[in-house]
Protein backbone atom coordinates (compact mmCIF):
# COMPACT_ATOMS: atom_id res chain seq x y z
CA MET A 1 -19.20 -55.68 -17.65
CA SER A 2 -22.83 -56.34 -16.77
CA LEU A 3 -25.33 -58.31 -18.80
CA PRO A 4 -29.11 -58.40 -18.31
CA GLY A 5 -29.97 -60.90 -15.61
CA LEU A 6 -26.35 -61.20 -14.50
CA GLY A 7 -24.39 -59.49 -11.80
CA PRO A 8 -21.27 -57.43 -12.47
CA ASP A 9 -19.36 -60.68 -13.03
CA PRO A 10 -21.04 -62.70 -15.83
CA LEU A 11 -20.02 -65.87 -13.99
CA SER A 12 -22.06 -64.80 -10.95
CA PRO A 13 -25.70 -64.89 -12.03
CA VAL A 14 -28.31 -63.05 -10.02
CA LEU A 15 -31.13 -65.42 -9.15
CA ALA A 16 -34.63 -64.58 -7.97
CA PRO A 17 -35.35 -66.22 -4.60
CA PRO A 18 -37.77 -69.15 -4.69
CA ALA A 19 -41.46 -68.36 -4.24
CA GLY A 20 -42.75 -69.06 -0.77
CA ALA A 21 -39.27 -68.98 0.76
CA GLY A 22 -40.01 -65.87 2.78
CA ALA A 23 -38.58 -63.72 0.02
CA GLN A 24 -39.48 -60.08 -0.17
CA ALA A 25 -40.10 -58.15 -3.38
CA GLY A 26 -36.80 -57.01 -4.81
CA ASP A 27 -34.73 -59.63 -2.93
CA THR A 28 -32.03 -61.36 -4.94
CA ILE A 29 -29.58 -64.10 -4.25
CA VAL A 30 -26.20 -63.61 -5.90
CA ALA A 31 -24.45 -66.84 -6.75
CA GLY A 32 -20.79 -66.85 -5.89
CA PRO A 33 -18.05 -67.31 -8.42
CA ILE A 34 -17.73 -70.72 -10.00
CA ASP A 35 -15.60 -72.71 -7.63
CA GLY A 36 -15.21 -76.22 -6.41
CA PRO A 37 -13.98 -79.25 -8.30
CA VAL A 38 -12.76 -78.90 -11.86
CA VAL A 39 -14.08 -81.64 -14.13
CA PRO A 40 -12.41 -82.03 -17.54
CA GLY A 41 -15.00 -81.67 -20.31
CA LEU A 42 -17.51 -79.88 -18.06
CA PRO A 43 -16.54 -76.20 -17.95
CA ASN A 44 -19.79 -75.21 -16.23
CA PHE A 45 -19.71 -77.90 -13.52
CA ARG A 46 -20.29 -76.52 -10.03
CA ASP A 47 -21.30 -77.40 -6.51
CA VAL A 48 -24.78 -76.14 -5.68
CA GLY A 49 -23.80 -75.85 -2.02
CA GLY A 50 -22.36 -72.81 -0.31
CA HIS A 51 -25.27 -70.42 -0.81
CA PRO A 52 -26.38 -68.56 2.33
CA THR A 53 -29.68 -69.49 3.94
CA ARG A 54 -32.09 -67.06 5.58
CA ASP A 55 -30.99 -68.15 9.06
CA GLY A 56 -27.33 -67.27 8.35
CA ARG A 57 -26.09 -70.78 7.71
CA ARG A 58 -24.96 -72.14 4.33
CA VAL A 59 -26.22 -74.96 2.11
CA ARG A 60 -23.90 -77.93 2.66
CA ARG A 61 -21.32 -78.49 -0.08
CA GLY A 62 -20.57 -81.79 -1.78
CA LEU A 63 -24.14 -83.09 -2.03
CA LEU A 64 -25.57 -81.69 -5.25
CA TYR A 65 -23.81 -80.53 -8.38
CA ARG A 66 -25.03 -79.03 -11.65
CA SER A 67 -23.50 -79.09 -15.09
CA THR A 68 -24.14 -79.05 -18.77
CA ASP A 69 -24.76 -82.33 -20.58
CA LEU A 70 -22.21 -85.10 -20.07
CA ALA A 71 -21.78 -85.84 -23.79
CA ARG A 72 -18.23 -84.46 -23.88
CA LEU A 73 -17.15 -86.23 -20.71
CA ASP A 74 -13.91 -88.11 -21.28
CA ALA A 75 -12.24 -90.75 -19.11
CA SER A 76 -10.53 -88.19 -16.87
CA GLY A 77 -13.78 -86.25 -16.41
CA ALA A 78 -15.68 -89.45 -15.61
CA ALA A 79 -13.01 -90.37 -13.06
CA ALA A 80 -13.27 -86.89 -11.50
CA LEU A 81 -17.06 -87.28 -11.14
CA ALA A 82 -16.68 -90.79 -9.72
CA SER A 83 -14.15 -89.49 -7.16
CA LEU A 84 -16.81 -87.04 -5.94
CA GLY A 85 -19.14 -89.95 -5.21
CA ILE A 86 -21.62 -89.07 -7.97
CA ARG A 87 -24.12 -91.96 -7.91
CA THR A 88 -27.11 -90.48 -9.75
CA VAL A 89 -27.24 -88.19 -12.77
CA TYR A 90 -30.58 -86.45 -13.37
CA ASP A 91 -30.89 -85.42 -17.01
CA LEU A 92 -33.42 -82.60 -17.45
CA ARG A 93 -33.04 -82.38 -21.24
CA SER A 94 -35.59 -83.24 -23.89
CA GLU A 95 -35.57 -86.53 -25.78
CA GLY A 96 -34.20 -84.76 -28.84
CA GLU A 97 -31.34 -83.24 -26.88
CA ARG A 98 -30.50 -86.58 -25.26
CA THR A 99 -30.55 -88.32 -28.65
CA LEU A 100 -28.24 -85.74 -30.25
CA GLN A 101 -25.81 -85.63 -27.33
CA PRO A 102 -26.18 -88.68 -25.09
CA ASP A 103 -24.65 -88.46 -21.63
CA ARG A 104 -21.51 -90.40 -20.80
CA LEU A 105 -22.12 -91.43 -17.22
CA PRO A 106 -19.32 -91.76 -14.69
CA PRO A 107 -18.53 -95.29 -13.50
CA GLY A 108 -20.84 -96.53 -10.76
CA SER A 109 -23.59 -94.01 -11.49
CA VAL A 110 -27.09 -94.39 -12.89
CA GLY A 111 -28.93 -91.98 -15.15
CA VAL A 112 -32.45 -90.78 -14.43
CA VAL A 113 -34.39 -88.95 -17.13
CA VAL A 114 -36.47 -86.02 -15.88
CA ASP A 115 -37.56 -84.49 -19.18
CA ILE A 116 -38.90 -81.13 -18.03
CA VAL A 117 -40.39 -80.30 -21.44
CA ALA A 118 -41.87 -83.73 -22.24
CA ASP A 119 -45.45 -82.48 -22.10
CA THR A 120 -44.85 -79.42 -24.27
CA THR A 121 -44.63 -79.05 -28.02
CA ARG A 122 -41.37 -77.14 -27.72
CA GLU A 123 -38.09 -79.00 -27.43
CA THR A 124 -35.16 -76.63 -27.17
CA PRO A 125 -34.28 -74.47 -24.17
CA GLY A 126 -34.02 -71.49 -26.52
CA ASP A 127 -37.77 -71.71 -27.01
CA PHE A 128 -38.32 -70.78 -23.37
CA ALA A 129 -37.30 -67.17 -23.98
CA VAL A 130 -39.99 -66.87 -26.63
CA LEU A 131 -42.49 -68.77 -24.51
CA PHE A 132 -42.05 -66.47 -21.50
CA GLU A 133 -42.75 -63.36 -23.60
CA ASP A 134 -46.41 -64.36 -23.27
CA PRO A 135 -47.19 -65.32 -19.65
CA ALA A 136 -50.58 -66.77 -20.57
CA ALA A 137 -48.99 -69.02 -23.20
CA ALA A 138 -46.31 -70.05 -20.69
CA ALA A 139 -48.98 -70.98 -18.15
CA ARG A 140 -50.84 -73.06 -20.76
CA ALA A 141 -47.69 -74.78 -22.00
CA LEU A 142 -46.16 -75.44 -18.59
CA GLY A 143 -49.28 -76.06 -16.57
CA GLY A 144 -49.28 -73.11 -14.17
């Protein structure tokens, strides 16, 4: 099965390489299968490490993780995050999203709000699909 924007395995998204990273037109980076620690309540939790670099090495594992919101995190999930040494949780969601589903931080961690849509009039991530249909509107809304 293949979905637009995804590789043959829907759990292995195909990502465009970052601009200015020496990428060539048509290059893609294929994320590996979801692996690493399992955290109860966070089905999409994953280690950002492990991806190959241009010089043949790999991004170090165990330093940066990504997940969905931590609103459903229970005691066992919080303990799992704490055991990984998670000290800082960066929340990229809007104020509305954080209000509706506040994060439950693991013990010993601090939360840092980095509201990536704070300066826009749109709140939900679903609005981005509509926004990017018009590149000029996207540039205005997101500041280049």
